[in-house]
């Protein structure tokens, strides 16, 4: 199982989403804190794509939001660096 670390900036972004869209924020929290840590291989999930030009950086799609993170398979770590709406994520 992977350890998930959420950067402070991403946590603040999630707090803003909570104020505007609490239902979407709940989906994101469930994904980040429940589903990601329990998956055997986060790179095989159906909602993931590799970010071009960035090593170890991937994005997951959760509704209209994107979760951008770095995956370190050698140490079983996922570092969430950004959570944003689809139009603001890139």
N, C-alpha and C. Protein backbone atom coordinates (compact mmCIF):
# COMPACT_ATOMS: atom_id res chain seq x y z
N UNK A 1 0.83 -1.19 0.00
CA UNK A 1 0.00 0.00 0.00
C UNK A 1 0.87 1.24 0.00
N UNK A 2 0.38 2.27 -0.63
CA UNK A 2 1.11 3.51 -0.78
C UNK A 2 0.79 4.49 0.35
N UNK A 3 1.77 5.28 0.70
CA UNK A 3 1.55 6.40 1.62
C UNK A 3 1.20 7.61 0.78
N UNK A 4 0.19 8.36 1.18
CA UNK A 4 -0.22 9.55 0.45
C UNK A 4 0.08 10.77 1.30
N UNK A 5 0.85 11.69 0.73
CA UNK A 5 1.14 12.97 1.39
C UNK A 5 0.53 14.09 0.55
N UNK A 6 -0.22 14.95 1.20
CA UNK A 6 -0.87 16.07 0.52
C UNK A 6 -0.13 17.34 0.89
N UNK A 7 0.41 18.01 -0.11
CA UNK A 7 1.13 19.27 0.14
C UNK A 7 0.15 20.30 0.71
N UNK A 8 0.68 21.24 1.46
CA UNK A 8 -0.16 22.26 2.10
C UNK A 8 -0.93 23.06 1.06
N UNK A 9 -0.30 23.38 -0.06
CA UNK A 9 -0.95 24.14 -1.12
C UNK A 9 -2.16 23.37 -1.67
N UNK A 10 -2.01 22.08 -1.86
CA UNK A 10 -3.12 21.26 -2.36
C UNK A 10 -4.24 21.18 -1.34
N UNK A 11 -3.90 21.11 -0.08
CA UNK A 11 -4.92 21.07 0.98
C UNK A 11 -5.71 22.38 0.99
N UNK A 12 -5.04 23.51 0.79
CA UNK A 12 -5.74 24.80 0.73
C UNK A 12 -6.66 24.85 -0.49
N UNK A 13 -6.19 24.30 -1.61
CA UNK A 13 -7.03 24.27 -2.81
C UNK A 13 -8.28 23.43 -2.56
N UNK A 14 -8.13 22.33 -1.84
CA UNK A 14 -9.27 21.48 -1.52
C UNK A 14 -10.23 22.19 -0.57
N UNK A 15 -9.72 22.98 0.35
CA UNK A 15 -10.58 23.76 1.25
C UNK A 15 -11.43 24.75 0.45
N UNK A 16 -10.84 25.38 -0.57
CA UNK A 16 -11.60 26.31 -1.42
C UNK A 16 -12.69 25.57 -2.18
N UNK A 17 -12.37 24.39 -2.68
CA UNK A 17 -13.37 23.59 -3.39
C UNK A 17 -14.50 23.22 -2.45
N UNK A 18 -14.18 22.92 -1.19
CA UNK A 18 -15.19 22.55 -0.20
C UNK A 18 -16.22 23.67 -0.02
N UNK A 19 -15.76 24.91 -0.02
CA UNK A 19 -16.67 26.05 0.15
C UNK A 19 -17.60 26.20 -1.04
N UNK A 20 -17.09 25.99 -2.25
CA UNK A 20 -17.89 26.18 -3.45
C UNK A 20 -18.68 24.96 -3.89
N UNK A 21 -18.14 23.78 -3.65
CA UNK A 21 -18.78 22.55 -4.12
C UNK A 21 -18.49 21.42 -3.14
N UNK A 22 -19.22 21.37 -2.03
CA UNK A 22 -18.91 20.38 -1.00
C UNK A 22 -19.05 18.93 -1.45
N UNK A 23 -19.95 18.66 -2.38
CA UNK A 23 -20.12 17.29 -2.86
C UNK A 23 -18.88 16.83 -3.64
N UNK A 24 -18.37 17.69 -4.51
CA UNK A 24 -17.15 17.36 -5.26
C UNK A 24 -15.97 17.21 -4.31
N UNK A 25 -15.90 18.06 -3.31
CA UNK A 25 -14.80 17.98 -2.33
C UNK A 25 -14.84 16.65 -1.59
N UNK A 26 -16.03 16.17 -1.28
CA UNK A 26 -16.15 14.87 -0.61
C UNK A 26 -15.64 13.75 -1.51
N UNK A 27 -15.96 13.81 -2.81
CA UNK A 27 -15.46 12.81 -3.76
C UNK A 27 -13.94 12.84 -3.82
N UNK A 28 -13.38 14.03 -3.86
CA UNK A 28 -11.92 14.18 -3.94
C UNK A 28 -11.28 13.64 -2.67
N UNK A 29 -11.83 14.00 -1.52
CA UNK A 29 -11.27 13.51 -0.24
C UNK A 29 -11.34 11.98 -0.17
N UNK A 30 -12.45 11.41 -0.57
CA UNK A 30 -12.56 9.94 -0.57
C UNK A 30 -11.51 9.33 -1.48
N UNK A 31 -11.30 9.92 -2.63
CA UNK A 31 -10.30 9.39 -3.56
C UNK A 31 -8.90 9.49 -2.97
N UNK A 32 -8.55 10.67 -2.44
CA UNK A 32 -7.18 10.91 -1.95
C UNK A 32 -6.89 10.14 -0.67
N UNK A 33 -7.84 10.13 0.26
CA UNK A 33 -7.56 9.57 1.59
C UNK A 33 -8.03 8.13 1.78
N UNK A 34 -8.90 7.63 0.90
CA UNK A 34 -9.40 6.26 1.05
C UNK A 34 -8.93 5.37 -0.10
N UNK A 35 -9.21 5.79 -1.32
CA UNK A 35 -8.93 4.92 -2.47
C UNK A 35 -7.44 4.85 -2.81
N UNK A 36 -6.77 5.99 -2.93
CA UNK A 36 -5.35 5.98 -3.31
C UNK A 36 -4.47 5.18 -2.34
N UNK A 37 -4.61 5.36 -1.03
CA UNK A 37 -3.72 4.62 -0.13
C UNK A 37 -3.93 3.10 -0.15
N UNK A 38 -5.11 2.65 -0.55
CA UNK A 38 -5.39 1.22 -0.50
C UNK A 38 -5.16 0.50 -1.82
N UNK A 39 -4.84 1.24 -2.87
CA UNK A 39 -4.64 0.60 -4.17
C UNK A 39 -3.27 -0.08 -4.23
N UNK A 40 -3.21 -1.18 -4.92
CA UNK A 40 -1.95 -1.90 -5.08
C UNK A 40 -1.02 -1.17 -6.05
N UNK A 41 -1.61 -0.60 -7.12
CA UNK A 41 -0.80 0.10 -8.12
C UNK A 41 -1.58 1.32 -8.62
N UNK A 42 -1.25 2.51 -8.14
CA UNK A 42 -1.99 3.70 -8.55
C UNK A 42 -1.80 4.04 -10.02
N UNK A 43 -0.78 3.49 -10.66
CA UNK A 43 -0.53 3.78 -12.07
C UNK A 43 -1.43 2.96 -12.99
N UNK A 44 -2.15 2.00 -12.45
CA UNK A 44 -3.03 1.18 -13.29
C UNK A 44 -4.50 1.58 -13.15
N UNK A 45 -4.77 2.66 -12.45
CA UNK A 45 -6.15 3.11 -12.28
C UNK A 45 -6.67 3.64 -13.61
N UNK A 46 -7.98 3.58 -13.81
CA UNK A 46 -8.58 3.97 -15.08
C UNK A 46 -8.59 5.48 -15.30
N UNK A 47 -8.47 6.26 -14.28
CA UNK A 47 -8.60 7.72 -14.40
C UNK A 47 -7.25 8.45 -14.32
N UNK A 48 -6.17 7.80 -14.70
CA UNK A 48 -4.83 8.39 -14.56
C UNK A 48 -4.20 8.61 -15.93
N UNK A 49 -3.44 9.69 -16.03
CA UNK A 49 -2.62 9.95 -17.22
C UNK A 49 -1.30 10.54 -16.78
N UNK A 50 -0.26 10.20 -17.51
CA UNK A 50 1.07 10.75 -17.22
C UNK A 50 1.14 12.16 -17.76
N UNK A 51 1.74 13.06 -17.00
CA UNK A 51 1.93 14.44 -17.44
C UNK A 51 3.14 14.49 -18.36
N UNK A 52 2.98 15.10 -19.50
CA UNK A 52 4.07 15.16 -20.47
C UNK A 52 5.18 16.07 -19.98
N UNK A 53 6.41 15.61 -20.17
CA UNK A 53 7.57 16.43 -19.85
C UNK A 53 7.92 16.48 -18.38
N UNK A 54 7.24 15.71 -17.57
CA UNK A 54 7.51 15.72 -16.13
C UNK A 54 7.68 14.29 -15.65
N UNK A 55 8.81 14.02 -15.03
CA UNK A 55 9.09 12.68 -14.55
C UNK A 55 8.30 12.39 -13.28
N UNK A 56 7.71 11.22 -13.20
CA UNK A 56 6.95 10.75 -12.03
C UNK A 56 5.68 11.55 -11.75
N UNK A 57 5.26 12.43 -12.65
CA UNK A 57 4.09 13.27 -12.40
C UNK A 57 2.89 12.77 -13.20
N UNK A 58 1.78 12.61 -12.49
CA UNK A 58 0.56 12.07 -13.09
C UNK A 58 -0.63 12.92 -12.66
N UNK A 59 -1.73 12.75 -13.38
CA UNK A 59 -2.96 13.41 -12.96
C UNK A 59 -4.08 12.37 -12.93
N UNK A 60 -4.92 12.51 -11.91
CA UNK A 60 -6.10 11.67 -11.78
C UNK A 60 -7.32 12.54 -12.02
N UNK A 61 -8.33 11.99 -12.66
CA UNK A 61 -9.56 12.71 -12.95
C UNK A 61 -10.62 12.27 -11.94
N UNK A 62 -11.19 13.23 -11.23
CA UNK A 62 -12.28 12.97 -10.29
C UNK A 62 -13.37 13.99 -10.61
N UNK A 63 -14.37 13.57 -11.35
CA UNK A 63 -15.42 14.48 -11.79
C UNK A 63 -14.84 15.56 -12.68
N UNK A 64 -15.14 16.81 -12.38
CA UNK A 64 -14.61 17.94 -13.15
C UNK A 64 -13.31 18.48 -12.56
N UNK A 65 -12.71 17.73 -11.67
CA UNK A 65 -11.49 18.17 -11.00
C UNK A 65 -10.33 17.26 -11.36
N UNK A 66 -9.13 17.81 -11.26
CA UNK A 66 -7.91 17.06 -11.53
C UNK A 66 -7.02 17.10 -10.30
N UNK A 67 -6.48 15.95 -9.98
CA UNK A 67 -5.54 15.82 -8.86
C UNK A 67 -4.19 15.52 -9.48
N UNK A 68 -3.23 16.39 -9.25
CA UNK A 68 -1.90 16.21 -9.83
C UNK A 68 -0.95 15.80 -8.72
N UNK A 69 -0.20 14.75 -8.99
CA UNK A 69 0.70 14.24 -7.98
C UNK A 69 1.90 13.53 -8.56
N UNK A 70 2.86 13.29 -7.71
CA UNK A 70 4.07 12.57 -8.08
C UNK A 70 4.01 11.19 -7.44
N UNK A 71 4.33 10.17 -8.22
CA UNK A 71 4.29 8.79 -7.74
C UNK A 71 5.71 8.25 -7.70
N UNK A 72 6.11 7.79 -6.53
CA UNK A 72 7.42 7.18 -6.33
C UNK A 72 7.20 5.71 -5.96
N UNK A 73 7.23 4.85 -6.97
CA UNK A 73 6.94 3.43 -6.76
C UNK A 73 8.00 2.72 -5.94
N UNK A 74 9.24 3.21 -6.00
CA UNK A 74 10.32 2.54 -5.27
C UNK A 74 10.16 2.68 -3.76
N UNK A 75 9.57 3.78 -3.29
CA UNK A 75 9.37 3.96 -1.85
C UNK A 75 7.89 3.97 -1.46
N UNK A 76 7.02 3.61 -2.43
CA UNK A 76 5.57 3.52 -2.20
C UNK A 76 4.99 4.82 -1.64
N UNK A 77 5.24 5.92 -2.36
CA UNK A 77 4.80 7.24 -1.93
C UNK A 77 4.08 7.95 -3.07
N UNK A 78 2.96 8.59 -2.73
CA UNK A 78 2.25 9.46 -3.66
C UNK A 78 2.20 10.83 -3.01
N UNK A 79 2.72 11.84 -3.70
CA UNK A 79 2.73 13.21 -3.17
C UNK A 79 1.77 14.04 -4.01
N UNK A 80 0.67 14.48 -3.42
CA UNK A 80 -0.33 15.30 -4.10
C UNK A 80 0.15 16.74 -4.08
N UNK A 81 0.32 17.33 -5.27
CA UNK A 81 0.86 18.68 -5.33
C UNK A 81 -0.16 19.73 -5.76
N UNK A 82 -1.25 19.30 -6.41
CA UNK A 82 -2.24 20.29 -6.85
C UNK A 82 -3.60 19.62 -7.01
N UNK A 83 -4.64 20.34 -6.62
CA UNK A 83 -6.02 19.92 -6.82
C UNK A 83 -6.75 21.12 -7.39
N UNK A 84 -7.29 20.97 -8.60
CA UNK A 84 -7.92 22.12 -9.24
C UNK A 84 -9.01 21.65 -10.21
N UNK A 85 -9.86 22.60 -10.61
CA UNK A 85 -10.86 22.28 -11.62
C UNK A 85 -10.15 22.01 -12.94
N UNK A 86 -10.85 21.37 -13.82
CA UNK A 86 -10.24 20.94 -15.08
C UNK A 86 -9.61 22.11 -15.84
N UNK A 87 -10.29 23.22 -15.92
CA UNK A 87 -9.77 24.35 -16.70
C UNK A 87 -8.59 25.05 -16.02
N UNK A 88 -8.45 24.90 -14.71
CA UNK A 88 -7.36 25.57 -13.98
C UNK A 88 -6.19 24.65 -13.65
N UNK A 89 -6.31 23.37 -13.93
CA UNK A 89 -5.31 22.40 -13.48
C UNK A 89 -4.00 22.48 -14.23
N UNK A 90 -4.05 22.86 -15.49
CA UNK A 90 -2.83 22.80 -16.30
C UNK A 90 -2.32 24.16 -16.51
